[in-house]
PDB file of N, CA and C in Angstrom:
ATOM      1  N   MET A   1      84.624 128.202 106.823  1.00  0.00           N
ATOM      2  CA  MET A   1      84.500 126.800 106.624  1.00  0.00           C
ATOM      3  C   MET A   1      85.525 126.404 105.483  1.00  0.00           C
ATOM      4  N   ALA A   2      86.153 125.164 105.802  1.00  0.00           N
ATOM      5  CA  ALA A   2      87.180 124.718 104.909  1.00  0.00           C
ATOM      6  C   ALA A   2      86.597 124.238 103.495  1.00  0.00           C
ATOM      7  N   HIS A   3      87.357 124.498 102.521  1.00  0.00           N
ATOM      8  CA  HIS A   3      86.902 124.023 101.132  1.00  0.00           C
ATOM      9  C   HIS A   3      87.092 122.515 101.054  1.00  0.00           C
ATOM     10  N   PRO A   4      86.165 121.796 100.418  1.00  0.00           N
ATOM     11  CA  PRO A   4      86.334 120.390 100.369  1.00  0.00           C
ATOM     12  C   PRO A   4      87.576 119.899  99.669  1.00  0.00           C
ATOM     13  N   VAL A   5      88.088 120.626  98.717  1.00  0.00           N
ATOM     14  CA  VAL A   5      89.392 120.237  98.033  1.00  0.00           C
ATOM     15  C   VAL A   5      90.490 120.325  99.163  1.00  0.00           C
ATOM     16  N   ASP A   6      90.460 121.370  99.980  1.00  0.00           N
ATOM     17  CA  ASP A   6      91.565 121.534 101.019  1.00  0.00           C
ATOM     18  C   ASP A   6      91.447 120.349 102.047  1.00  0.00           C
ATOM     19  N   VAL A   7      90.226 119.996 102.271  1.00  0.00           N
ATOM     20  CA  VAL A   7      90.061 118.896 103.167  1.00  0.00           C
ATOM     21  C   VAL A   7      90.587 117.488 102.681  1.00  0.00           C
ATOM     22  N   HIS A   8      90.269 117.329 101.310  1.00  0.00           N
ATOM     23  CA  HIS A   8      90.670 116.124 100.729  1.00  0.00           C
ATOM     24  C   HIS A   8      92.156 116.059 100.612  1.00  0.00           C
ATOM     25  N   VAL A   9      92.820 117.153 100.206  1.00  0.00           N
ATOM     26  CA  VAL A   9      94.325 117.170 100.164  1.00  0.00           C
ATOM     27  C   VAL A   9      94.880 116.999 101.434  1.00  0.00           C
ATOM     28  N   GLY A  10      94.352 117.553 102.500  1.00  0.00           N
ATOM     29  CA  GLY A  10      94.825 117.369 103.909  1.00  0.00           C
ATOM     30  C   GLY A  10      94.654 115.793 104.324  1.00  0.00           C
ATOM     31  N   LYS A  11      93.647 115.224 104.020  1.00  0.00           N
ATOM     32  CA  LYS A  11      93.409 113.754 104.368  1.00  0.00           C
ATOM     33  C   LYS A  11      94.382 112.950 103.627  1.00  0.00           C
ATOM     34  N   ARG A  12      94.775 113.326 102.363  1.00  0.00           N
ATOM     35  CA  ARG A  12      95.795 112.475 101.528  1.00  0.00           C
ATOM     36  C   ARG A  12      97.100 112.728 102.233  1.00  0.00           C
ATOM     37  N   ILE A  13      97.430 113.960 102.673  1.00  0.00           N
ATOM     38  CA  ILE A  13      98.702 114.228 103.271  1.00  0.00           C
ATOM     39  C   ILE A  13      98.757 113.345 104.574  1.00  0.00           C
ATOM     40  N   ARG A  14      97.783 113.355 105.338  1.00  0.00           N
ATOM     41  CA  ARG A  14      97.766 112.509 106.590  1.00  0.00           C
ATOM     42  C   ARG A  14      97.921 111.114 106.304  1.00  0.00           C
ATOM     43  N   HIS A  15      97.171 110.565 105.263  1.00  0.00           N
ATOM     44  CA  HIS A  15      97.168 109.218 104.932  1.00  0.00           C
ATOM     45  C   HIS A  15      98.528 108.773 104.435  1.00  0.00           C
ATOM     46  N   ARG A  16      99.316 109.615 103.631  1.00  0.00           N
ATOM     47  CA  ARG A  16     100.563 109.138 103.169  1.00  0.00           C
ATOM     48  C   ARG A  16     101.632 109.214 104.326  1.00  0.00           C
ATOM     49  N   ARG A  17     101.531 110.399 105.096  1.00  0.00           N
ATOM     50  CA  ARG A  17     102.398 110.459 106.243  1.00  0.00           C
ATOM     51  C   ARG A  17     102.280 109.309 107.165  1.00  0.00           C
ATOM     52  N   TRP A  18     101.112 108.918 107.441  1.00  0.00           N
ATOM     53  CA  TRP A  18     100.832 107.912 108.320  1.00  0.00           C
ATOM     54  C   TRP A  18     101.366 106.467 107.762  1.00  0.00           C
ATOM     55  N   MET A  19     101.160 106.278 106.434  1.00  0.00           N
ATOM     56  CA  MET A  19     101.608 105.076 105.764  1.00  0.00           C
ATOM     57  C   MET A  19     103.107 104.931 105.723  1.00  0.00           C
ATOM     58  N   VAL A  20     103.792 105.990 105.666  1.00  0.00           N
ATOM     59  CA  VAL A  20     105.308 105.925 105.645  1.00  0.00           C
ATOM     60  C   VAL A  20     105.904 106.079 106.985  1.00  0.00           C
ATOM     61  N   GLY A  21     105.045 106.292 108.050  1.00  0.00           N
ATOM     62  CA  GLY A  21     105.484 106.199 109.430  1.00  0.00           C
ATOM     63  C   GLY A  21     106.187 107.425 109.894  1.00  0.00           C
ATOM     64  N   ILE A  22     105.750 108.552 109.333  1.00  0.00           N
ATOM     65  CA  ILE A  22     106.383 109.911 109.786  1.00  0.00           C
ATOM     66  C   ILE A  22     105.419 110.661 110.590  1.00  0.00           C
ATOM     67  N   THR A  23     105.903 111.257 111.729  1.00  0.00           N
ATOM     68  CA  THR A  23     104.970 111.968 112.659  1.00  0.00           C
ATOM     69  C   THR A  23     104.692 113.362 111.974  1.00  0.00           C
ATOM     70  N   GLN A  24     103.799 114.051 112.552  1.00  0.00           N
ATOM     71  CA  GLN A  24     103.630 115.463 111.977  1.00  0.00           C
ATOM     72  C   GLN A  24     104.859 116.318 112.338  1.00  0.00           C
ATOM     73  N   GLN A  25     105.506 116.088 113.507  1.00  0.00           N
ATOM     74  CA  GLN A  25     106.745 116.808 113.790  1.00  0.00           C
ATOM     75  C   GLN A  25     107.914 116.396 112.795  1.00  0.00           C
ATOM     76  N   GLY A  26     107.867 115.122 112.483  1.00  0.00           N
ATOM     77  CA  GLY A  26     108.969 114.801 111.479  1.00  0.00           C
ATOM     78  C   GLY A  26     108.798 115.332 110.169  1.00  0.00           C
ATOM     79  N   LEU A  27     107.547 115.342 109.634  1.00  0.00           N
ATOM     80  CA  LEU A  27     107.158 115.931 108.328  1.00  0.00           C
ATOM     81  C   LEU A  27     107.378 117.501 108.401  1.00  0.00           C
ATOM     82  N   ALA A  28     107.075 118.050 109.396  1.00  0.00           N
ATOM     83  CA  ALA A  28     107.261 119.533 109.566  1.00  0.00           C
ATOM     84  C   ALA A  28     108.668 119.908 109.534  1.00  0.00           C
ATOM     85  N   GLU A  29     109.514 119.153 110.255  1.00  0.00           N
ATOM     86  CA  GLU A  29     110.894 119.422 110.284  1.00  0.00           C
ATOM     87  C   GLU A  29     111.562 119.276 108.861  1.00  0.00           C
ATOM     88  N   ARG A  30     111.144 118.185 108.172  1.00  0.00           N
ATOM     89  CA  ARG A  30     111.796 117.977 106.832  1.00  0.00           C
ATOM     90  C   ARG A  30     111.298 118.994 105.809  1.00  0.00           C
ATOM     91  N   VAL A  31     110.066 119.610 105.996  1.00  0.00           N
ATOM     92  CA  VAL A  31     109.515 120.559 105.057  1.00  0.00           C
ATOM     93  C   VAL A  31     109.929 122.060 105.524  1.00  0.00           C
ATOM     94  N   GLY A  32     110.424 122.114 106.811  1.00  0.00           N
ATOM     95  CA  GLY A  32     110.802 123.430 107.264  1.00  0.00           C
ATOM     96  C   GLY A  32     109.794 124.316 107.812  1.00  0.00           C
ATOM     97  N   ILE A  33     108.784 123.684 108.434  1.00  0.00           N
ATOM     98  CA  ILE A  33     107.627 124.496 109.044  1.00  0.00           C
ATOM     99  C   ILE A  33     107.353 123.909 110.454  1.00  0.00           C
ATOM    100  N   LYS A  34     106.505 124.488 111.171  1.00  0.00           N
ATOM    101  CA  LYS A  34     106.089 124.035 112.583  1.00  0.00           C
ATOM    102  C   LYS A  34     105.032 122.859 112.324  1.00  0.00           C
ATOM    103  N   PHE A  35     104.980 121.933 113.332  1.00  0.00           N
ATOM    104  CA  PHE A  35     104.020 120.862 113.184  1.00  0.00           C
ATOM    105  C   PHE A  35     102.547 121.309 113.170  1.00  0.00           C
ATOM    106  N   GLN A  36     102.333 122.374 113.894  1.00  0.00           N
ATOM    107  CA  GLN A  36     100.939 122.992 113.936  1.00  0.00           C
ATOM    108  C   GLN A  36     100.417 123.309 112.581  1.00  0.00           C
ATOM    109  N   GLN A  37     101.375 123.713 111.686  1.00  0.00           N
ATOM    110  CA  GLN A  37     100.992 123.995 110.318  1.00  0.00           C
ATOM    111  C   GLN A  37     100.548 122.658 109.618  1.00  0.00           C
ATOM    112  N   ILE A  38     101.319 121.615 109.868  1.00  0.00           N
ATOM    113  CA  ILE A  38     100.949 120.288 109.303  1.00  0.00           C
ATOM    114  C   ILE A  38      99.461 119.876 109.773  1.00  0.00           C
ATOM    115  N   GLN A  39      99.325 120.069 111.077  1.00  0.00           N
ATOM    116  CA  GLN A  39      97.993 119.899 111.651  1.00  0.00           C
ATOM    117  C   GLN A  39      96.887 120.574 110.867  1.00  0.00           C
ATOM    118  N   LYS A  40      97.137 121.910 110.685  1.00  0.00           N
ATOM    119  CA  LYS A  40      96.151 122.722 109.988  1.00  0.00           C
ATOM    120  C   LYS A  40      95.972 122.227 108.481  1.00  0.00           C
ATOM    121  N   TYR A  41      97.091 121.793 107.819  1.00  0.00           N
ATOM    122  CA  TYR A  41      96.907 121.274 106.429  1.00  0.00           C
ATOM    123  C   TYR A  41      96.040 120.048 106.448  1.00  0.00           C
ATOM    124  N   GLU A  42      96.411 119.198 107.490  1.00  0.00           N
ATOM    125  CA  GLU A  42      95.656 117.872 107.439  1.00  0.00           C
ATOM    126  C   GLU A  42      94.239 117.967 107.773  1.00  0.00           C
ATOM    127  N   THR A  43      93.735 119.005 108.500  1.00  0.00           N
ATOM    128  CA  THR A  43      92.399 119.133 108.779  1.00  0.00           C
ATOM    129  C   THR A  43      91.655 120.051 107.694  1.00  0.00           C
ATOM    130  N   GLY A  44      92.415 120.479 106.831  1.00  0.00           N
ATOM    131  CA  GLY A  44      91.838 121.428 105.809  1.00  0.00           C
ATOM    132  C   GLY A  44      91.659 122.869 106.238  1.00  0.00           C
ATOM    133  N   MET A  45      91.976 123.091 107.549  1.00  0.00           N
ATOM    134  CA  MET A  45      91.897 124.491 108.064  1.00  0.00           C
ATOM    135  C   MET A  45      92.661 125.448 107.259  1.00  0.00           C
ATOM    136  N   ASN A  46      93.911 125.061 106.850  1.00  0.00           N
ATOM    137  CA  ASN A  46      94.725 126.005 106.046  1.00  0.00           C
ATOM    138  C   ASN A  46      94.930 125.356 104.721  1.00  0.00           C
ATOM    139  N   ARG A  47      94.977 126.158 103.692  1.00  0.00           N
ATOM    140  CA  ARG A  47      95.179 125.723 102.274  1.00  0.00           C
ATOM    141  C   ARG A  47      96.746 125.570 102.088  1.00  0.00           C
ATOM    142  N   VAL A  48      97.214 124.437 101.412  1.00  0.00           N
ATOM    143  CA  VAL A  48      98.532 124.171 101.112  1.00  0.00           C
ATOM    144  C   VAL A  48      98.853 124.868  99.805  1.00  0.00           C
ATOM    145  N   SER A  49     100.016 125.670  99.835  1.00  0.00           N
ATOM    146  CA  SER A  49     100.404 126.408  98.624  1.00  0.00           C
ATOM    147  C   SER A  49     101.034 125.360  97.698  1.00  0.00           C
ATOM    148  N   ALA A  50     101.176 125.748  96.449  1.00  0.00           N
ATOM    149  CA  ALA A  50     101.639 124.747  95.462  1.00  0.00           C
ATOM    150  C   ALA A  50     103.106 124.361  95.779  1.00  0.00           C
ATOM    151  N   SER A  51     103.879 125.427  96.143  1.00  0.00           N
ATOM    152  CA  SER A  51     105.261 125.068  96.455  1.00  0.00           C
ATOM    153  C   SER A  51     105.401 124.128  97.788  1.00  0.00           C
ATOM    154  N   ARG A  52     104.595 124.399  98.795  1.00  0.00           N
ATOM    155  CA  ARG A  52     104.625 123.652  99.873  1.00  0.00           C
ATOM    156  C   ARG A  52     104.166 122.256  99.680  1.00  0.00           C
ATOM    157  N   LEU A  53     103.071 122.050  98.780  1.00  0.00           N
ATOM    158  CA  LEU A  53     102.696 120.739  98.408  1.00  0.00           C
ATOM    159  C   LEU A  53     103.732 120.020  97.653  1.00  0.00           C
ATOM    160  N   TRP A  54     104.541 120.688  96.929  1.00  0.00           N
ATOM    161  CA  TRP A  54     105.612 120.130  96.134  1.00  0.00           C
ATOM    162  C   TRP A  54     106.672 119.533  97.198  1.00  0.00           C
ATOM    163  N   ASP A  55     106.964 120.305  98.213  1.00  0.00           N
ATOM    164  CA  ASP A  55     107.984 119.943  99.144  1.00  0.00           C
ATOM    165  C   ASP A  55     107.445 118.749 100.034  1.00  0.00           C
ATOM    166  N   ILE A  56     106.108 118.700 100.350  1.00  0.00           N
ATOM    167  CA  ILE A  56     105.510 117.570 100.997  1.00  0.00           C
ATOM    168  C   ILE A  56     105.539 116.333 100.174  1.00  0.00           C
ATOM    169  N   ALA A  57     105.195 116.519  98.905  1.00  0.00           N
ATOM    170  CA  ALA A  57     105.135 115.318  97.988  1.00  0.00           C
ATOM    171  C   ALA A  57     106.567 114.718  97.879  1.00  0.00           C
ATOM    172  N   GLU A  58     107.623 115.497  97.784  1.00  0.00           N
ATOM    173  CA  GLU A  58     108.958 115.075  97.710  1.00  0.00           C
ATOM    174  C   GLU A  58     109.299 114.364  98.971  1.00  0.00           C
ATOM    175  N   THR A  59     109.011 114.911 100.118  1.00  0.00           N
ATOM    176  CA  THR A  59     109.338 114.287 101.432  1.00  0.00           C
ATOM    177  C   THR A  59     108.621 112.959 101.592  1.00  0.00           C
ATOM    178  N   LEU A  60     107.413 112.885 101.169  1.00  0.00           N
ATOM    179  CA  LEU A  60     106.614 111.688 101.345  1.00  0.00           C
ATOM    180  C   LEU A  60     106.823 110.743 100.052  1.00  0.00           C
ATOM    181  N   ASP A  61     107.680 111.166  99.180  1.00  0.00           N
ATOM    182  CA  ASP A  61     107.944 110.269  98.029  1.00  0.00           C
ATOM    183  C   ASP A  61     106.752 109.910  97.161  1.00  0.00           C
ATOM    184  N   VAL A  62     105.849 110.876  96.808  1.00  0.00           N
ATOM    185  CA  VAL A  62     104.840 110.610  96.021  1.00  0.00           C
ATOM    186  C   VAL A  62     104.654 111.826  94.856  1.00  0.00           C
ATOM    187  N   PRO A  63     104.086 111.579  93.757  1.00  0.00           N
ATOM    188  CA  PRO A  63     103.844 112.803  92.880  1.00  0.00           C
ATOM    189  C   PRO A  63     102.793 113.700  93.538  1.00  0.00           C
ATOM    190  N   VAL A  64     102.806 114.935  93.181  1.00  0.00           N
ATOM    191  CA  VAL A  64     101.829 115.900  93.701  1.00  0.00           C
ATOM    192  C   VAL A  64     100.381 115.461  93.391  1.00  0.00           C
ATOM    193  N   SER A  65     100.240 114.783  92.210  1.00  0.00           N
ATOM    194  CA  SER A  65      98.878 114.287  91.849  1.00  0.00           C
ATOM    195  C   SER A  65      98.308 113.292  92.857  1.00  0.00           C
ATOM    196  N   PHE A  66      99.215 112.634  93.634  1.00  0.00           N
ATOM    197  CA  PHE A  66      98.706 111.754  94.656  1.00  0.00           C
ATOM    198  C   PHE A  66      97.673 112.430  95.587  1.00  0.00           C
ATOM    199  N   PHE A  67      97.869 113.617  95.827  1.00  0.00           N
ATOM    200  CA  PHE A  67      97.007 114.390  96.825  1.00  0.00           C
ATOM    201  C   PHE A  67      95.638 114.676  96.286  1.00  0.00           C
ATOM    202  N   PHE A  68      95.478 114.546  94.970  1.00  0.00           N
ATOM    203  CA  PHE A  68      94.224 114.816  94.354  1.00  0.00           C
ATOM    204  C   PHE A  68      93.484 113.550  93.889  1.00  0.00           C
ATOM    205  N   GLU A  69      94.065 112.430  94.025  1.00  0.00           N
ATOM    206  CA  GLU A  69      93.550 111.106  93.631  1.00  0.00           C
ATOM    207  C   GLU A  69      92.215 111.001  94.376  1.00  0.00           C
ATOM    208  N   GLY A  70      91.250 110.464  93.739  1.00  0.00           N
ATOM    209  CA  GLY A  70      89.948 110.248  94.387  1.00  0.00           C
ATOM    210  C   GLY A  70      89.036 111.388  94.472  1.00  0.00           C
ATOM    211  N   LEU A  71      89.509 112.527  94.012  1.00  0.00           N
ATOM    212  CA  LEU A  71      88.808 113.772  94.123  1.00  0.00           C
ATOM    213  C   LEU A  71      87.666 113.764  93.067  1.00  0.00           C
ATOM    214  N   ASP A  72      86.426 113.965  93.448  1.00  0.00           N
ATOM    215  CA  ASP A  72      85.306 114.086  92.508  1.00  0.00           C
ATOM    216  C   ASP A  72      84.957 115.470  92.356  1.00  0.00           C
ATOM    217  N   HIS A  73      84.691 115.890  91.091  1.00  0.00           N
ATOM    218  CA  HIS A  73      84.314 117.257  90.826  1.00  0.00           C
ATOM    219  C   HIS A  73      83.035 117.643  91.563  1.00  0.00           C
ATOM    220  N   LYS A  74      82.322 116.685  91.765  1.00  0.00           N
ATOM    221  CA  LYS A  74      80.952 117.075  92.519  1.00  0.00           C
ATOM    222  C   LYS A  74      81.170 117.226  93.965  1.00  0.00           C
ATOM    223  N   ASP A  75      81.452 116.159  94.692  1.00  0.00           N
ATOM    224  CA  ASP A  75      81.631 116.259  96.122  1.00  0.00           C
ATOM    225  C   ASP A  75      82.635 115.180  96.612  1.00  0.00           C
ATOM    226  N   PRO A  76      83.895 115.623  96.932  1.00  0.00           N
ATOM    227  CA  PRO A  76      84.902 114.749  97.297  1.00  0.00           C
ATOM    228  C   PRO A  76      84.549 113.730  98.532  1.00  0.00           C
ATOM    229  N   GLU A  77      83.602 114.039  99.238  1.00  0.00           N
ATOM    230  CA  GLU A  77      83.244 113.217 100.378  1.00  0.00           C
ATOM    231  C   GLU A  77      82.017 112.223 100.053  1.00  0.00           C
ATOM    232  N   THR A  78      81.557 112.249  98.865  1.00  0.00           N
ATOM    233  CA  THR A  78      80.401 111.450  98.476  1.00  0.00           C
ATOM    234  C   THR A  78      80.680 110.037  98.789  1.00  0.00           C
ATOM    235  N   THR A  79      79.775 109.262  99.339  1.00  0.00           N
ATOM    236  CA  THR A  79      79.704 107.849  99.585  1.00  0.00           C
ATOM    237  C   THR A  79      78.776 107.207  98.637  1.00  0.00           C
ATOM    238  N   PRO A  80      79.322 106.225  97.771  1.00  0.00           N
ATOM    239  CA  PRO A  80      78.496 105.511  96.736  1.00  0.00           C
ATOM    240  C   PRO A  80      77.421 104.758  97.425  1.00  0.00           C
ATOM    241  N   ALA A  81      76.528 104.250  96.658  1.00  0.00           N
ATOM    242  CA  ALA A  81      75.438 103.365  97.218  1.00  0.00           C
ATOM    243  C   ALA A  81      75.944 102.087  97.852  1.00  0.00           C
ATOM    244  N   ASN A  82      77.137 101.627  97.424  1.00  0.00           N
ATOM    245  CA  ASN A  82      77.671 100.373  98.093  1.00  0.00           C
ATOM    246  C   ASN A  82      78.145 100.574  99.491  1.00  0.00           C
ATOM    247  N   GLY A  83      78.133 101.846 100.006  1.00  0.00           N
ATOM    248  CA  GLY A  83      78.530 102.054 101.429  1.00  0.00           C
ATOM    249  C   GLY A  83      80.105 102.247 101.652  1.00  0.00           C
ATOM    250  N   ILE A  84      80.854 102.147 100.530  1.00  0.00           N
ATOM    251  CA  ILE A  84      82.258 102.392 100.604  1.00  0.00           C
ATOM    252  C   ILE A  84      82.536 103.889 100.407  1.00  0.00           C
ATOM    253  N   PRO A  85      83.254 104.553 101.400  1.00  0.00           N
ATOM    254  CA  PRO A  85      83.543 105.985 101.133  1.00  0.00           C
ATOM    255  C   PRO A  85      84.289 106.217  99.889  1.00  0.00           C
ATOM    256  N   ALA A  86      84.216 107.511  99.441  1.00  0.00           N
ATOM    257  CA  ALA A  86      84.909 107.802  98.098  1.00  0.00           C
ATOM    258  C   ALA A  86      86.336 107.728  98.301  1.00  0.00           C
ATOM    259  N   ASP A  87      86.900 107.878  99.453  1.00  0.00           N
ATOM    260  CA  ASP A  87      88.291 107.655  99.663  1.00  0.00           C
ATOM    261  C   ASP A  87      88.466 106.753 100.909  1.00  0.00           C
ATOM    262  N   PRO A  88      88.348 105.526 100.863  1.00  0.00           N
ATOM    263  CA  PRO A  88      88.396 104.699 102.066  1.00  0.00           C
ATOM    264  C   PRO A  88      89.700 104.689 102.731  1.00  0.00           C
ATOM    265  N   MET A  89      90.843 105.056 101.942  1.00  0.00           N
ATOM    266  CA  MET A  89      92.015 105.046 102.686  1.00  0.00           C
ATOM    267  C   MET A  89      92.276 106.297 103.435  1.00  0.00           C
ATOM    268  N   ALA A  90      91.331 107.183 103.402  1.00  0.00           N
ATOM    269  CA  ALA A  90      91.311 108.350 104.301  1.00  0.00           C
ATOM    270  C   ALA A  90      90.901 107.996 105.735  1.00  0.00           C
ATOM    271  N   GLU A  91      90.334 106.817 105.908  1.00  0.00           N
ATOM    272  CA  GLU A  91      89.868 106.331 107.175  1.00  0.00           C
ATOM    273  C   GLU A  91      90.996 105.681 107.954  1.00  0.00           C
ATOM    274  N   ARG A  92      91.218 106.089 109.089  1.00  0.00           N
ATOM    275  CA  ARG A  92      92.196 105.495 110.028  1.00  0.00           C
ATOM    276  C   ARG A  92      92.144 103.955 110.054  1.00  0.00           C
ATOM    277  N   GLU A  93      90.935 103.453 110.323  1.00  0.00           N
ATOM    278  CA  GLU A  93      90.724 102.117 110.353  1.00  0.00           C
ATOM    279  C   GLU A  93      91.218 101.302 109.171  1.00  0.00           C
ATOM    280  N   ALA A  94      91.039 101.872 107.977  1.00  0.00           N
ATOM    281  CA  ALA A  94      91.462 101.190 106.814  1.00  0.00           C
ATOM    282  C   ALA A  94      93.093 101.265 106.711  1.00  0.00           C
ATOM    283  N   LEU A  95      93.602 102.290 107.130  1.00  0.00           N
ATOM    284  CA  LEU A  95      95.104 102.461 107.140  1.00  0.00           C
ATOM    285  C   LEU A  95      95.746 101.493 108.085  1.00  0.00           C
ATOM    286  N   GLU A  96      95.097 101.349 109.245  1.00  0.00           N
ATOM    287  CA  GLU A  96      95.647 100.375 110.266  1.00  0.00           C
ATOM    288  C   GLU A  96      95.471  98.913 109.720  1.00  0.00           C
ATOM    289  N   LEU A  97      94.336  98.670 109.057  1.00  0.00           N
ATOM    290  CA  LEU A  97      94.121  97.239 108.536  1.00  0.00           C
ATOM    291  C   LEU A  97      95.201  96.949 107.439  1.00  0.00           C
ATOM    292  N   VAL A  98      95.508  98.000 106.657  1.00  0.00           N
ATOM    293  CA  VAL A  98      96.531  97.713 105.573  1.00  0.00           C
ATOM    294  C   VAL A  98      97.917  97.556 106.122  1.00  0.00           C
ATOM    295  N   ARG A  99      98.310  98.393 107.145  1.00  0.00           N
ATOM    296  CA  ARG A  99      99.565  98.238 107.760  1.00  0.00           C
ATOM    297  C   ARG A  99      99.730  96.816 108.479  1.00  0.00           C
ATOM    298  N   SER A 100      98.574  96.500 109.071  1.00  0.00           N
ATOM    299  CA  SER A 100      98.615  95.131 109.870  1.00  0.00           C
ATOM    300  C   SER A 100      98.632  94.003 108.774  1.00  0.00           C
ATOM    301  N   TYR A 101      97.961  94.117 107.664  1.00  0.00           N
ATOM    302  CA  TYR A 101      97.914  93.211 106.673  1.00  0.00           C
ATOM    303  C   TYR A 101      99.317  92.892 106.110  1.00  0.00           C
ATOM    304  N   TYR A 102     100.140  93.923 105.834  1.00  0.00           N
ATOM    305  CA  TYR A 102     101.406  93.725 105.271  1.00  0.00           C
ATOM    306  C   TYR A 102     102.506  93.336 106.319  1.00  0.00           C
ATOM    307  N   ALA A 103     102.085  93.376 107.588  1.00  0.00           N
ATOM    308  CA  ALA A 103     102.994  92.832 108.614  1.00  0.00           C
ATOM    309  C   ALA A 103     102.848  91.341 108.744  1.00  0.00           C
ATOM    310  N   ILE A 104     101.862  90.737 108.197  1.00  0.00           N
ATOM    311  CA  ILE A 104     101.596  89.320 108.253  1.00  0.00           C
ATOM    312  C   ILE A 104     102.511  88.614 107.280  1.00  0.00           C
ATOM    313  N   PRO A 105     103.179  87.491 107.641  1.00  0.00           N
ATOM    314  CA  PRO A 105     103.953  86.758 106.671  1.00  0.00           C
ATOM    315  C   PRO A 105     103.192  86.475 105.442  1.00  0.00           C
ATOM    316  N   GLU A 106     103.813  86.420 104.316  1.00  0.00           N
ATOM    317  CA  GLU A 106     103.227  86.348 102.990  1.00  0.00           C
ATOM    318  C   GLU A 106     102.226  85.096 102.863  1.00  0.00           C
ATOM    319  N   ASN A 107     102.681  83.915 103.271  1.00  0.00           N
ATOM    320  CA  ASN A 107     101.798  82.807 103.168  1.00  0.00           C
ATOM    321  C   ASN A 107     100.439  82.845 103.925  1.00  0.00           C
ATOM    322  N   GLN A 108     100.602  83.429 105.158  1.00  0.00           N
ATOM    323  CA  GLN A 108      99.353  83.648 105.964  1.00  0.00           C
ATOM    324  C   GLN A 108      98.682  84.766 105.418  1.00  0.00           C
ATOM    325  N   ARG A 109      99.242  85.806 104.873  1.00  0.00           N
ATOM    326  CA  ARG A 109      98.499  86.916 104.296  1.00  0.00           C
ATOM    327  C   ARG A 109      97.712  86.384 103.181  1.00  0.00           C
ATOM    328  N   ARG A 110      98.120  85.596 102.278  1.00  0.00           N
ATOM    329  CA  ARG A 110      97.404  85.119 101.219  1.00  0.00           C
ATOM    330  C   ARG A 110      96.087  84.416 101.663  1.00  0.00           C
ATOM    331  N   ARG A 111      96.272  83.588 102.695  1.00  0.00           N
ATOM    332  CA  ARG A 111      95.153  82.813 103.241  1.00  0.00           C
ATOM    333  C   ARG A 111      94.136  83.713 103.986  1.00  0.00           C
ATOM    334  N   LEU A 112      94.568  84.789 104.539  1.00  0.00           N
ATOM    335  CA  LEU A 112      93.681  85.723 105.093  1.00  0.00           C
ATOM    336  C   LEU A 112      92.947  86.533 103.958  1.00  0.00           C
ATOM    337  N   PHE A 113      93.600  86.759 102.860  1.00  0.00           N
ATOM    338  CA  PHE A 113      92.979  87.439 101.763  1.00  0.00           C
ATOM    339  C   PHE A 113      91.834  86.547 101.236  1.00  0.00           C
ATOM    340  N   GLU A 114      92.134  85.218 101.115  1.00  0.00           N
ATOM    341  CA  GLU A 114      91.135  84.394 100.554  1.00  0.00           C
ATOM    342  C   GLU A 114      89.968  84.273 101.578  1.00  0.00           C
ATOM    343  N   LEU A 115      90.221  84.248 102.803  1.00  0.00           N
ATOM    344  CA  LEU A 115      89.147  84.208 103.845  1.00  0.00           C
ATOM    345  C   LEU A 115      88.215  85.494 103.726  1.00  0.00           C
ATOM    346  N   ALA A 116      88.890  86.642 103.552  1.00  0.00           N
ATOM    347  CA  ALA A 116      88.191  87.887 103.529  1.00  0.00           C
ATOM    348  C   ALA A 116      87.288  87.936 102.275  1.00  0.00           C
ATOM    349  N   ARG A 117      87.776  87.370 101.104  1.00  0.00           N
ATOM    350  CA  ARG A 117      87.011  87.254  99.921  1.00  0.00           C
ATOM    351  C   ARG A 117      85.733  86.401 100.135  1.00  0.00           C
ATOM    352  N   VAL A 118      85.946  85.292 100.765  1.00  0.00           N
ATOM    353  CA  VAL A 118      84.813  84.292 100.983  1.00  0.00           C
ATOM    354  C   VAL A 118      83.789  84.984 101.973  1.00  0.00           C
ATOM    355  N   LEU A 119      84.234  85.566 102.976  1.00  0.00           N
ATOM    356  CA  LEU A 119      83.333  86.210 103.969  1.00  0.00           C
ATOM    357  C   LEU A 119      82.569  87.374 103.285  1.00  0.00           C
ATOM    358  N   SER A 120      83.128  87.967 102.339  1.00  0.00           N
ATOM    359  CA  SER A 120      82.474  89.202 101.765  1.00  0.00           C
ATOM    360  C   SER A 120      81.547  88.724 100.628  1.00  0.00           C
ATOM    361  N   ASP A 121      81.632  87.433 100.217  1.00  0.00           N
ATOM    362  CA  ASP A 121      80.802  86.987  99.067  1.00  0.00           C
ATOM    363  C   ASP A 121      81.088  87.676  97.870  1.00  0.00           C
ATOM    364  N   ARG A 122      82.289  88.063  97.647  1.00  0.00           N
ATOM    365  CA  ARG A 122      82.812  88.692  96.424  1.00  0.00           C
ATOM    366  C   ARG A 122      83.371  87.699  95.479  1.00  0.00           C
ATOM    367  N   PRO A 123      83.070  87.649  94.190  1.00  0.00           N
ATOM    368  CA  PRO A 123      83.680  86.653  93.300  1.00  0.00           C
ATOM    369  C   PRO A 123      85.119  86.839  93.168  1.00  0.00           C
ATOM    370  N   GLN A 124      85.853  85.783  92.829  1.00  0.00           N
ATOM    371  CA  GLN A 124      87.298  85.752  92.695  1.00  0.00           C
ATOM    372  C   GLN A 124      87.528  86.390  91.379  1.00  0.00           C
ATOM    373  N   SER A 125      88.557  87.294  91.345  1.00  0.00           N
ATOM    374  CA  SER A 125      88.913  87.898  90.181  1.00  0.00           C
ATOM    375  C   SER A 125      89.902  87.121  89.435  1.00  0.00           C
ATOM    376  N   PRO A 126      89.874  87.094  88.041  1.00  0.00           N
ATOM    377  CA  PRO A 126      90.789  86.220  87.322  1.00  0.00           C
ATOM    378  C   PRO A 126      92.262  86.790  87.479  1.00  0.00           C
ATOM    379  N   GLY A 127      93.235  85.952  87.486  1.00  0.00           N
ATOM    380  CA  GLY A 127      94.552  86.472  87.473  1.00  0.00           C
ATOM    381  C   GLY A 127      95.278  85.832  88.512  1.00  0.00           C
TER     382      GLY A 127
END
């Protein structure tokens, strides 16, 4: 069984890879391994060594700490009472939403943001 930390790190690798638009094959080539190894890292089946994580972080242009963000010492997969996953950006739907959102022209994006805030009944934050 995969360790929860390995699963979390793997999800963060997949998340960042997907956000920058690199395929598993592309990442594997840049890091010097086979794409099957990237698949195993992303599912948490294989643990990523420190040096390999360093190479992946450099390739994906993030600090190594990025892969541990959102990690809770208790259970990294815990969902709080509000129904939002501990790491919502690990969900493909959320990633697609963010990519689509930033593809919208800025003036329309701002209006969409305001609509989402109204529909969610969330108060407006100052600023």
